[in-house]
Amino acid sequence: MITYPNLYHLKYFVDAVELGSISGAAQKNLVTHPAISRAISALEKHLGVALLEHQKKSFKVTNAGHKVAEQARLLLAAASGFDSLSLHSDIDQAIEIKIGLSRTLSEAYLTPLLHGLKETFPHATAKVRFGTTHEITEAVANRSIDVGLTIGTLNLPTLRQTAIKKGNFVLIESGPKKNWRNDLETQPFLVTEPRLETEKLKTAYKQRFNRQLPVLFEISSWEVIGQLTQKGIGIGLLPDIALENWKKDSYRIVKSFGFESSYEVFVHTLKSSANNRVLDYVIREAHALPHHP
């Protein structure tokens, strides 16, 4: 089996050669004189050559010793660059991370994630895809994207799905406080395609008013629902994270009947994903990001 010389032994020897003494090398490396002597003896035994002419009160390097010192300097220089920063450059240059999420989550998650990615892995690139929970989850499962962030989830056996935030769905009506309206029976609603929260809303409305929920628009986009609601078109069903940057006096949360529905934000990756430091960073940062409902 191939064995390799100890780097510390090489460093001690090189320092002794450059400083012209064992005591100088000991002082530089904050070790004892015998420690330097033992290191050089170990190198001589490992290499099978004499590095020093062992004479009392004399420090003289052999020809072989000078050659070893020259090669050792190159090896130590290469080893000194073998740090965490050097590991980033060549490996990460070719890495492209594909992220999928709903537009509703983009402001809370995407901007800080991409900013941090650029700072930490300057040579890595990213592609971002927007979609519904179903679309993003399926895209992770079929390897179209590497990591997905969604509100809610599909239970797919090939995925690793981790909840990173909890929130609530809310009913939103536009307008300042003086224009609050209470005639819910006459107001149309804006909802997404059938999901758990939309079914809960329909049930609560039916129990309260004894009729079907009047759906004006069914739109697979919380962003569009929010935009229309802000224009005064109906009551919108939205996750509360979508309201983070709305002006507080521009809307009210409707609580006139017993509708309640919570949600979780999930990070999705394949269980079989290969080790990838950039992907690991994105997942870790998504967990760590602060959010304000």
C-alpha atoms as a PDB file:
ATOM      1  CA  MET A   1       0.000   0.000   0.000  1.00  0.00           C
ATOM      2  CA  ILE A   2       1.279   3.457  -0.878  1.00  0.00           C
ATOM      3  CA  THR A   3       2.025   5.677   2.113  1.00  0.00           C
ATOM      4  CA  TYR A   4       2.630   9.417   2.072  1.00  0.00           C
ATOM      5  CA  PRO A   5       4.924  11.642   4.120  1.00  0.00           C
ATOM      6  CA  ASN A   6       3.392  13.650   6.941  1.00  0.00           C
ATOM      7  CA  LEU A   7       2.814  17.263   5.864  1.00  0.00           C
ATOM      8  CA  TYR A   8       3.771  18.577   9.278  1.00  0.00           C
ATOM      9  CA  HIS A   9       7.042  16.668   9.110  1.00  0.00           C
ATOM     10  CA  LEU A  10       7.711  18.180   5.696  1.00  0.00           C
ATOM     11  CA  LYS A  11       6.932  21.666   6.988  1.00  0.00           C
ATOM     12  CA  TYR A  12       9.218  21.265   9.995  1.00  0.00           C
ATOM     13  CA  PHE A  13      12.033  20.097   7.730  1.00  0.00           C
ATOM     14  CA  VAL A  14      11.551  22.917   5.196  1.00  0.00           C
ATOM     15  CA  ASP A  15      11.491  25.506   7.991  1.00  0.00           C
ATOM     16  CA  ALA A  16      14.670  24.040   9.463  1.00  0.00           C
ATOM     17  CA  VAL A  17      16.387  24.223   6.068  1.00  0.00           C
ATOM     18  CA  GLU A  18      15.256  27.807   5.453  1.00  0.00           C
ATOM     19  CA  LEU A  19      16.167  28.984   8.961  1.00  0.00           C
ATOM     20  CA  GLY A  20      19.381  26.993   9.097  1.00  0.00           C
ATOM     21  CA  SER A  21      18.666  25.333  12.408  1.00  0.00           C
ATOM     22  CA  ILE A  22      16.388  22.933  14.214  1.00  0.00           C
ATOM     23  CA  SER A  23      15.909  25.372  17.073  1.00  0.00           C
ATOM     24  CA  GLY A  24      14.736  28.060  14.628  1.00  0.00           C
ATOM     25  CA  ALA A  25      12.147  25.689  13.161  1.00  0.00           C
ATOM     26  CA  ALA A  26      11.022  24.747  16.671  1.00  0.00           C
ATOM     27  CA  GLN A  27      10.548  28.398  17.620  1.00  0.00           C
ATOM     28  CA  LYS A  28       8.643  29.196  14.420  1.00  0.00           C
ATOM     29  CA  ASN A  29       6.243  26.279  14.840  1.00  0.00           C
ATOM     30  CA  LEU A  30       5.893  26.623  18.631  1.00  0.00           C
ATOM     31  CA  VAL A  31       7.103  23.080  19.282  1.00  0.00           C
ATOM     32  CA  THR A  32      10.114  21.634  21.077  1.00  0.00           C
ATOM     33  CA  HIS A  33      13.567  21.003  19.631  1.00  0.00           C
ATOM     34  CA  PRO A  34      13.131  17.202  20.015  1.00  0.00           C
ATOM     35  CA  ALA A  35       9.813  17.368  18.125  1.00  0.00           C
ATOM     36  CA  ILE A  36      11.578  18.817  15.072  1.00  0.00           C
ATOM     37  CA  SER A  37      14.341  16.230  15.336  1.00  0.00           C
ATOM     38  CA  ARG A  38      11.841  13.375  15.556  1.00  0.00           C
ATOM     39  CA  ALA A  39       9.938  14.714  12.529  1.00  0.00           C
ATOM     40  CA  ILE A  40      13.098  14.843  10.415  1.00  0.00           C
ATOM     41  CA  SER A  41      14.117  11.364  11.536  1.00  0.00           C
ATOM     42  CA  ALA A  42      10.645  10.071  10.607  1.00  0.00           C
ATOM     43  CA  LEU A  43      10.995  11.636   7.142  1.00  0.00           C
ATOM     44  CA  GLU A  44      14.404  10.057   6.637  1.00  0.00           C
ATOM     45  CA  LYS A  45      12.997   6.667   7.586  1.00  0.00           C
ATOM     46  CA  HIS A  46       9.978   7.117   5.318  1.00  0.00           C
ATOM     47  CA  LEU A  47      12.016   8.291   2.302  1.00  0.00           C
ATOM     48  CA  GLY A  48      15.009   6.030   2.891  1.00  0.00           C
ATOM     49  CA  VAL A  49      17.557   8.832   2.521  1.00  0.00           C
ATOM     50  CA  ALA A  50      19.593  11.000   4.866  1.00  0.00           C
ATOM     51  CA  LEU A  51      18.322  14.577   4.865  1.00  0.00           C
ATOM     52  CA  LEU A  52      20.951  15.956   7.246  1.00  0.00           C
ATOM     53  CA  GLU A  53      24.565  15.198   7.993  1.00  0.00           C
ATOM     54  CA  HIS A  54      24.139  14.270  11.627  1.00  0.00           C
ATOM     55  CA  GLN A  55      27.044  15.914  13.382  1.00  0.00           C
ATOM     56  CA  LYS A  56      27.076  17.446  16.844  1.00  0.00           C
ATOM     57  CA  LYS A  57      26.630  21.223  16.950  1.00  0.00           C
ATOM     58  CA  SER A  58      26.279  21.295  13.178  1.00  0.00           C
ATOM     59  CA  PHE A  59      23.317  21.681  10.819  1.00  0.00           C
ATOM     60  CA  LYS A  60      24.182  20.628   7.310  1.00  0.00           C
ATOM     61  CA  VAL A  61      21.662  19.563   4.680  1.00  0.00           C
ATOM     62  CA  THR A  62      22.587  16.741   2.317  1.00  0.00           C
ATOM     63  CA  ASN A  63      22.102  16.981  -1.447  1.00  0.00           C
ATOM     64  CA  ALA A  64      19.106  14.674  -1.130  1.00  0.00           C
ATOM     65  CA  GLY A  65      17.816  16.894   1.667  1.00  0.00           C
ATOM     66  CA  HIS A  66      17.920  19.986  -0.560  1.00  0.00           C
ATOM     67  CA  LYS A  67      15.996  18.136  -3.279  1.00  0.00           C
ATOM     68  CA  VAL A  68      13.391  16.958  -0.771  1.00  0.00           C
ATOM     69  CA  ALA A  69      13.054  20.482   0.625  1.00  0.00           C
ATOM     70  CA  GLU A  70      12.511  21.871  -2.886  1.00  0.00           C
ATOM     71  CA  GLN A  71       9.771  19.353  -3.667  1.00  0.00           C
ATOM     72  CA  ALA A  72       8.242  19.757  -0.221  1.00  0.00           C
ATOM     73  CA  ARG A  73       7.857  23.515  -0.761  1.00  0.00           C
ATOM     74  CA  LEU A  74       5.742  22.850  -3.850  1.00  0.00           C
ATOM     75  CA  LEU A  75       3.641  20.296  -2.017  1.00  0.00           C
ATOM     76  CA  LEU A  76       3.085  22.590   0.969  1.00  0.00           C
ATOM     77  CA  ALA A  77       2.145  25.491  -1.327  1.00  0.00           C
ATOM     78  CA  ALA A  78      -0.477  23.318  -3.015  1.00  0.00           C
ATOM     79  CA  ALA A  79      -1.767  22.099   0.335  1.00  0.00           C
ATOM     80  CA  SER A  80      -2.114  25.650   1.658  1.00  0.00           C
ATOM     81  CA  GLY A  81      -4.614  26.403  -1.126  1.00  0.00           C
ATOM     82  CA  PHE A  82      -6.680  23.344  -0.345  1.00  0.00           C
ATOM     83  CA  ASP A  83      -9.265  25.165   1.761  1.00  0.00           C
ATOM     84  CA  SER A  84     -13.004  25.718   1.715  1.00  0.00           C
ATOM     85  CA  LEU A  85     -12.772  28.590  -0.754  1.00  0.00           C
ATOM     86  CA  SER A  86     -10.763  26.622  -3.301  1.00  0.00           C
ATOM     87  CA  LEU A  87     -13.352  23.869  -3.171  1.00  0.00           C
ATOM     88  CA  HIS A  88     -16.032  26.307  -4.332  1.00  0.00           C
ATOM     89  CA  SER A  89     -14.532  27.586  -7.553  1.00  0.00           C
ATOM     90  CA  ASP A  90     -14.044  24.753 -10.016  1.00  0.00           C
ATOM     91  CA  ILE A  91     -16.781  22.496  -8.653  1.00  0.00           C
ATOM     92  CA  ASP A  92     -19.452  25.149  -8.384  1.00  0.00           C
ATOM     93  CA  GLN A  93     -18.680  26.775 -11.731  1.00  0.00           C
ATOM     94  CA  ALA A  94     -20.570  24.054 -13.576  1.00  0.00           C
ATOM     95  CA  ILE A  95     -23.476  23.747 -11.122  1.00  0.00           C
ATOM     96  CA  GLU A  96     -26.898  24.972 -12.186  1.00  0.00           C
ATOM     97  CA  ILE A  97     -29.711  24.820  -9.653  1.00  0.00           C
ATOM     98  CA  LYS A  98     -33.334  24.714 -10.836  1.00  0.00           C
ATOM     99  CA  ILE A  99     -35.856  26.179  -8.416  1.00  0.00           C
ATOM    100  CA  GLY A 100     -39.638  26.064  -8.694  1.00  0.00           C
ATOM    101  CA  LEU A 101     -42.184  27.923  -6.585  1.00  0.00           C
ATOM    102  CA  SER A 102     -45.441  29.830  -6.685  1.00  0.00           C
ATOM    103  CA  ARG A 103     -45.239  33.553  -7.381  1.00  0.00           C
ATOM    104  CA  THR A 104     -46.886  34.137  -4.001  1.00  0.00           C
ATOM    105  CA  LEU A 105     -43.746  32.824  -2.307  1.00  0.00           C
ATOM    106  CA  SER A 106     -41.265  34.596  -4.569  1.00  0.00           C
ATOM    107  CA  GLU A 107     -40.880  37.813  -2.580  1.00  0.00           C
ATOM    108  CA  ALA A 108     -40.547  36.057   0.771  1.00  0.00           C
ATOM    109  CA  TYR A 109     -38.185  33.354  -0.463  1.00  0.00           C
ATOM    110  CA  LEU A 110     -36.790  33.836  -3.951  1.00  0.00           C
ATOM    111  CA  THR A 111     -35.076  37.217  -3.627  1.00  0.00           C
ATOM    112  CA  PRO A 112     -33.105  36.369  -0.460  1.00  0.00           C
ATOM    113  CA  LEU A 113     -32.304  32.865  -1.734  1.00  0.00           C
ATOM    114  CA  LEU A 114     -30.859  34.093  -5.028  1.00  0.00           C
ATOM    115  CA  HIS A 115     -28.967  36.911  -3.331  1.00  0.00           C
ATOM    116  CA  GLY A 116     -27.419  34.487  -0.864  1.00  0.00           C
ATOM    117  CA  LEU A 117     -26.654  32.014  -3.634  1.00  0.00           C
ATOM    118  CA  LYS A 118     -24.736  34.656  -5.579  1.00  0.00           C
ATOM    119  CA  GLU A 119     -22.772  35.693  -2.508  1.00  0.00           C
ATOM    120  CA  THR A 120     -21.899  32.143  -1.434  1.00  0.00           C
ATOM    121  CA  PHE A 121     -21.447  30.450  -4.817  1.00  0.00           C
ATOM    122  CA  PRO A 122     -20.542  33.232  -7.282  1.00  0.00           C
ATOM    123  CA  HIS A 123     -20.023  30.815 -10.185  1.00  0.00           C
ATOM    124  CA  ALA A 124     -23.224  28.812  -9.719  1.00  0.00           C
ATOM    125  CA  THR A 125     -26.265  29.652 -11.847  1.00  0.00           C
ATOM    126  CA  ALA A 126     -29.983  29.266 -11.253  1.00  0.00           C
ATOM    127  CA  LYS A 127     -33.132  28.824 -13.311  1.00  0.00           C
ATOM    128  CA  VAL A 128     -36.475  29.687 -11.737  1.00  0.00           C
ATOM    129  CA  ARG A 129     -39.858  28.310 -12.694  1.00  0.00           C
ATOM    130  CA  PHE A 130     -43.221  29.485 -11.373  1.00  0.00           C
ATOM    131  CA  GLY A 131     -46.268  27.268 -11.069  1.00  0.00           C
ATOM    132  CA  THR A 132     -49.030  25.874  -8.914  1.00  0.00           C
ATOM    133  CA  THR A 133     -48.458  23.469  -6.047  1.00  0.00           C
ATOM    134  CA  HIS A 134     -49.383  20.560  -8.307  1.00  0.00           C
ATOM    135  CA  GLU A 135     -47.121  21.728 -11.140  1.00  0.00           C
ATOM    136  CA  ILE A 136     -44.105  22.369  -8.928  1.00  0.00           C
ATOM    137  CA  THR A 137     -44.441  19.136  -6.980  1.00  0.00           C
ATOM    138  CA  GLU A 138     -44.741  17.106 -10.179  1.00  0.00           C
ATOM    139  CA  ALA A 139     -41.752  18.942 -11.667  1.00  0.00           C
ATOM    140  CA  VAL A 140     -39.565  17.891  -8.743  1.00  0.00           C
ATOM    141  CA  ALA A 141     -40.811  14.306  -9.053  1.00  0.00           C
ATOM    142  CA  ASN A 142     -39.961  14.130 -12.764  1.00  0.00           C
ATOM    143  CA  ARG A 143     -36.586  15.873 -12.246  1.00  0.00           C
ATOM    144  CA  SER A 144     -37.491  18.983 -14.233  1.00  0.00           C
ATOM    145  CA  ILE A 145     -36.409  21.055 -11.225  1.00  0.00           C
ATOM    146  CA  ASP A 146     -34.125  20.346  -8.270  1.00  0.00           C
ATOM    147  CA  VAL A 147     -36.059  21.948  -5.443  1.00  0.00           C
ATOM    148  CA  GLY A 148     -39.606  23.246  -5.073  1.00  0.00           C
ATOM    149  CA  LEU A 149     -41.308  25.534  -2.574  1.00  0.00           C
ATOM    150  CA  THR A 150     -45.076  25.336  -2.369  1.00  0.00           C
ATOM    151  CA  ILE A 151     -48.054  26.123  -0.190  1.00  0.00           C
ATOM    152  CA  GLY A 152     -49.478  22.704   0.513  1.00  0.00           C
ATOM    153  CA  THR A 153     -48.238  19.495  -1.044  1.00  0.00           C
ATOM    154  CA  LEU A 154     -48.963  16.307  -2.909  1.00  0.00           C
ATOM    155  CA  ASN A 155     -48.006  13.072  -1.191  1.00  0.00           C
ATOM    156  CA  LEU A 156     -45.580  11.561  -3.688  1.00  0.00           C
ATOM    157  CA  PRO A 157     -43.451   8.650  -2.418  1.00  0.00           C
ATOM    158  CA  THR A 158     -40.308   9.681  -4.301  1.00  0.00           C
ATOM    159  CA  LEU A 159     -40.127  13.117  -2.678  1.00  0.00           C
ATOM    160  CA  ARG A 160     -38.630  14.381   0.544  1.00  0.00           C
ATOM    161  CA  GLN A 161     -41.103  17.029   1.732  1.00  0.00           C
ATOM    162  CA  THR A 162     -40.350  19.246   4.716  1.00  0.00           C
ATOM    163  CA  ALA A 163     -42.649  21.888   6.214  1.00  0.00           C
ATOM    164  CA  ILE A 164     -40.786  25.141   6.922  1.00  0.00           C
ATOM    165  CA  LYS A 165     -43.580  27.599   7.752  1.00  0.00           C
ATOM    166  CA  LYS A 166     -47.185  27.660   8.888  1.00  0.00           C
ATOM    167  CA  GLY A 167     -49.825  30.239   8.074  1.00  0.00           C
ATOM    168  CA  ASN A 168     -53.519  30.757   7.496  1.00  0.00           C
ATOM    169  CA  PHE A 169     -55.773  31.345   4.531  1.00  0.00           C
ATOM    170  CA  VAL A 170     -57.786  34.536   4.859  1.00  0.00           C
ATOM    171  CA  LEU A 171     -60.704  36.190   3.101  1.00  0.00           C
ATOM    172  CA  ILE A 172     -59.776  39.656   1.896  1.00  0.00           C
ATOM    173  CA  GLU A 173     -61.950  42.591   0.946  1.00  0.00           C
ATOM    174  CA  SER A 174     -60.512  45.833  -0.404  1.00  0.00           C
ATOM    175  CA  GLY A 175     -61.068  49.341   0.831  1.00  0.00           C
ATOM    176  CA  PRO A 176     -60.283  51.487   3.877  1.00  0.00           C
ATOM    177  CA  LYS A 177     -62.051  50.956   7.177  1.00  0.00           C
ATOM    178  CA  LYS A 178     -64.800  53.492   6.510  1.00  0.00           C
ATOM    179  CA  ASN A 179     -65.881  51.509   3.458  1.00  0.00           C
ATOM    180  CA  TRP A 180     -66.051  48.091   5.113  1.00  0.00           C
ATOM    181  CA  ARG A 181     -69.001  46.108   3.848  1.00  0.00           C
ATOM    182  CA  ASN A 182     -70.960  43.504   5.715  1.00  0.00           C
ATOM    183  CA  ASP A 183     -73.359  42.252   3.049  1.00  0.00           C
ATOM    184  CA  LEU A 184     -71.475  39.011   2.456  1.00  0.00           C
ATOM    185  CA  GLU A 185     -74.477  37.339   0.906  1.00  0.00           C
ATOM    186  CA  THR A 186     -74.290  39.716  -2.038  1.00  0.00           C
ATOM    187  CA  GLN A 187     -70.520  39.625  -2.547  1.00  0.00           C
ATOM    188  CA  PRO A 188     -68.910  37.379  -5.170  1.00  0.00           C
ATOM    189  CA  PHE A 189     -65.813  35.375  -4.289  1.00  0.00           C
ATOM    190  CA  LEU A 190     -62.512  34.838  -6.073  1.00  0.00           C
ATOM    191  CA  VAL A 191     -60.874  31.467  -5.428  1.00  0.00           C
ATOM    192  CA  THR A 192     -58.332  29.109  -6.945  1.00  0.00           C
ATOM    193  CA  GLU A 193     -59.072  25.700  -8.418  1.00  0.00           C
ATOM    194  CA  PRO A 194     -60.573  23.209  -5.940  1.00  0.00           C
ATOM    195  CA  ARG A 195     -58.196  22.705  -3.039  1.00  0.00           C
ATOM    196  CA  LEU A 196     -58.672  21.873   0.612  1.00  0.00           C
ATOM    197  CA  GLU A 197     -59.135  25.508   1.621  1.00  0.00           C
ATOM    198  CA  THR A 198     -61.639  26.232  -1.157  1.00  0.00           C
ATOM    199  CA  GLU A 199     -63.720  23.230  -0.127  1.00  0.00           C
ATOM    200  CA  LYS A 200     -63.642  24.370   3.504  1.00  0.00           C
ATOM    201  CA  LEU A 201     -64.786  27.823   2.400  1.00  0.00           C
ATOM    202  CA  LYS A 202     -67.683  26.413   0.405  1.00  0.00           C
ATOM    203  CA  THR A 203     -68.773  24.275   3.340  1.00  0.00           C
ATOM    204  CA  ALA A 204     -68.602  27.156   5.835  1.00  0.00           C
ATOM    205  CA  TYR A 205     -70.524  29.465   3.496  1.00  0.00           C
ATOM    206  CA  LYS A 206     -73.227  26.862   2.892  1.00  0.00           C
ATOM    207  CA  GLN A 207     -73.661  26.307   6.620  1.00  0.00           C
ATOM    208  CA  ARG A 208     -73.872  30.042   7.317  1.00  0.00           C
ATOM    209  CA  PHE A 209     -76.076  31.199   4.434  1.00  0.00           C
ATOM    210  CA  ASN A 210     -77.733  27.950   3.330  1.00  0.00           C
ATOM    211  CA  ARG A 211     -76.687  28.387  -0.287  1.00  0.00           C
ATOM    212  CA  GLN A 212     -73.759  27.726  -2.565  1.00  0.00           C
ATOM    213  CA  LEU A 213     -70.710  29.969  -2.483  1.00  0.00           C
ATOM    214  CA  PRO A 214     -71.086  32.583  -5.264  1.00  0.00           C
ATOM    215  CA  VAL A 215     -67.803  32.172  -7.151  1.00  0.00           C
ATOM    216  CA  LEU A 216     -67.221  34.980  -9.632  1.00  0.00           C
ATOM    217  CA  PHE A 217     -63.787  33.869 -10.844  1.00  0.00           C
ATOM    218  CA  GLU A 218     -61.866  30.634 -10.344  1.00  0.00           C
ATOM    219  CA  ILE A 219     -58.230  31.526 -11.031  1.00  0.00           C
ATOM    220  CA  SER A 220     -55.137  29.379 -10.564  1.00  0.00           C
ATOM    221  CA  SER A 221     -53.138  32.351  -9.305  1.00  0.00           C
ATOM    222  CA  TRP A 222     -53.191  33.952  -5.875  1.00  0.00           C
ATOM    223  CA  GLU A 223     -51.385  36.944  -7.357  1.00  0.00           C
ATOM    224  CA  VAL A 224     -54.198  37.659  -9.826  1.00  0.00           C
ATOM    225  CA  ILE A 225     -56.822  37.079  -7.137  1.00  0.00           C
ATOM    226  CA  GLY A 226     -55.001  39.608  -4.974  1.00  0.00           C
ATOM    227  CA  GLN A 227     -54.802  42.165  -7.773  1.00  0.00           C
ATOM    228  CA  LEU A 228     -58.510  41.888  -8.555  1.00  0.00           C
ATOM    229  CA  THR A 229     -59.444  42.049  -4.889  1.00  0.00           C
ATOM    230  CA  GLN A 230     -57.405  45.226  -4.468  1.00  0.00           C
ATOM    231  CA  LYS A 231     -59.417  46.723  -7.310  1.00  0.00           C
ATOM    232  CA  GLY A 232     -62.599  46.075  -5.351  1.00  0.00           C
ATOM    233  CA  ILE A 233     -63.740  43.031  -7.316  1.00  0.00           C
ATOM    234  CA  GLY A 234     -65.192  40.602  -4.809  1.00  0.00           C
ATOM    235  CA  ILE A 235     -63.722  38.825  -1.804  1.00  0.00           C
ATOM    236  CA  GLY A 236     -60.489  36.944  -2.387  1.00  0.00           C
ATOM    237  CA  LEU A 237     -59.274  33.768  -0.705  1.00  0.00           C
ATOM    238  CA  LEU A 238     -55.523  34.123  -0.134  1.00  0.00           C
ATOM    239  CA  PRO A 239     -52.711  32.762   2.029  1.00  0.00           C
ATOM    240  CA  ASP A 240     -51.697  35.420   4.544  1.00  0.00           C
ATOM    241  CA  ILE A 241     -48.109  35.411   3.271  1.00  0.00           C
ATOM    242  CA  ALA A 242     -49.447  37.091   0.111  1.00  0.00           C
ATOM    243  CA  LEU A 243     -50.351  40.188   2.147  1.00  0.00           C
ATOM    244  CA  GLU A 244     -46.893  40.970   3.499  1.00  0.00           C
ATOM    245  CA  ASN A 245     -46.414  44.078   1.366  1.00  0.00           C
ATOM    246  CA  TRP A 246     -49.995  45.279   1.126  1.00  0.00           C
ATOM    247  CA  LYS A 247     -50.794  48.617   2.748  1.00  0.00           C
ATOM    248  CA  LYS A 248     -52.532  47.882   6.016  1.00  0.00           C
ATOM    249  CA  ASP A 249     -55.390  50.328   5.376  1.00  0.00           C
ATOM    250  CA  SER A 250     -56.106  49.031   1.871  1.00  0.00           C
ATOM    251  CA  TYR A 251     -57.941  45.863   2.890  1.00  0.00           C
ATOM    252  CA  ARG A 252     -59.703  44.086   5.671  1.00  0.00           C
ATOM    253  CA  ILE A 253     -59.824  40.430   6.651  1.00  0.00           C
ATOM    254  CA  VAL A 254     -63.379  39.103   6.533  1.00  0.00           C
ATOM    255  CA  LYS A 255     -64.271  37.081   9.627  1.00  0.00           C
ATOM    256  CA  SER A 256     -68.051  37.213   9.549  1.00  0.00           C
ATOM    257  CA  PHE A 257     -68.610  33.465   9.289  1.00  0.00           C
ATOM    258  CA  GLY A 258     -66.800  30.405  10.545  1.00  0.00           C
ATOM    259  CA  PHE A 259     -64.208  29.823   7.863  1.00  0.00           C
ATOM    260  CA  GLU A 260     -60.785  28.681   9.049  1.00  0.00           C
ATOM    261  CA  SER A 261     -58.033  26.981   7.094  1.00  0.00           C
ATOM    262  CA  SER A 262     -54.300  26.772   7.790  1.00  0.00           C
ATOM    263  CA  TYR A 263     -51.448  25.936   5.435  1.00  0.00           C
ATOM    264  CA  GLU A 264     -47.807  24.926   5.459  1.00  0.00           C
ATOM    265  CA  VAL A 265     -44.993  25.935   3.136  1.00  0.00           C
ATOM    266  CA  PHE A 266     -43.064  22.878   1.979  1.00  0.00           C
ATOM    267  CA  VAL A 267     -39.620  22.333   0.504  1.00  0.00           C
ATOM    268  CA  HIS A 268     -39.581  19.435  -1.974  1.00  0.00           C
ATOM    269  CA  THR A 269     -36.564  17.467  -3.173  1.00  0.00           C
ATOM    270  CA  LEU A 270     -36.084  13.979  -4.521  1.00  0.00           C
ATOM    271  CA  LYS A 271     -35.188  11.376  -1.922  1.00  0.00           C
ATOM    272  CA  SER A 272     -32.637  10.071  -4.393  1.00  0.00           C
ATOM    273  CA  SER A 273     -30.967  13.452  -4.990  1.00  0.00           C
ATOM    274  CA  ALA A 274     -27.191  13.231  -5.264  1.00  0.00           C
ATOM    275  CA  ASN A 275     -25.091  15.242  -2.834  1.00  0.00           C
ATOM    276  CA  ASN A 276     -24.927  18.812  -4.086  1.00  0.00           C
ATOM    277  CA  ARG A 277     -23.566  21.594  -1.906  1.00  0.00           C
ATOM    278  CA  VAL A 278     -25.454  24.297  -3.788  1.00  0.00           C
ATOM    279  CA  LEU A 279     -28.749  22.423  -3.440  1.00  0.00           C
ATOM    280  CA  ASP A 280     -28.001  21.784   0.228  1.00  0.00           C
ATOM    281  CA  TYR A 281     -27.404  25.515   0.670  1.00  0.00           C
ATOM    282  CA  VAL A 282     -30.735  26.449  -0.937  1.00  0.00           C
ATOM    283  CA  ILE A 283     -32.628  23.967   1.244  1.00  0.00           C
ATOM    284  CA  ARG A 284     -30.851  25.095   4.408  1.00  0.00           C
ATOM    285  CA  GLU A 285     -31.434  28.785   3.687  1.00  0.00           C
ATOM    286  CA  ALA A 286     -35.111  28.229   2.882  1.00  0.00           C
ATOM    287  CA  HIS A 287     -35.498  26.712   6.340  1.00  0.00           C
ATOM    288  CA  ALA A 288     -33.621  29.569   7.984  1.00  0.00           C
ATOM    289  CA  LEU A 289     -35.263  32.557   6.297  1.00  0.00           C
ATOM    290  CA  PRO A 290     -37.392  34.701   8.646  1.00  0.00           C
ATOM    291  CA  HIS A 291     -40.983  35.255   7.554  1.00  0.00           C
ATOM    292  CA  HIS A 292     -43.623  37.617   8.811  1.00  0.00           C
ATOM    293  CA  PRO A 293     -47.249  36.632   8.295  1.00  0.00           C
END
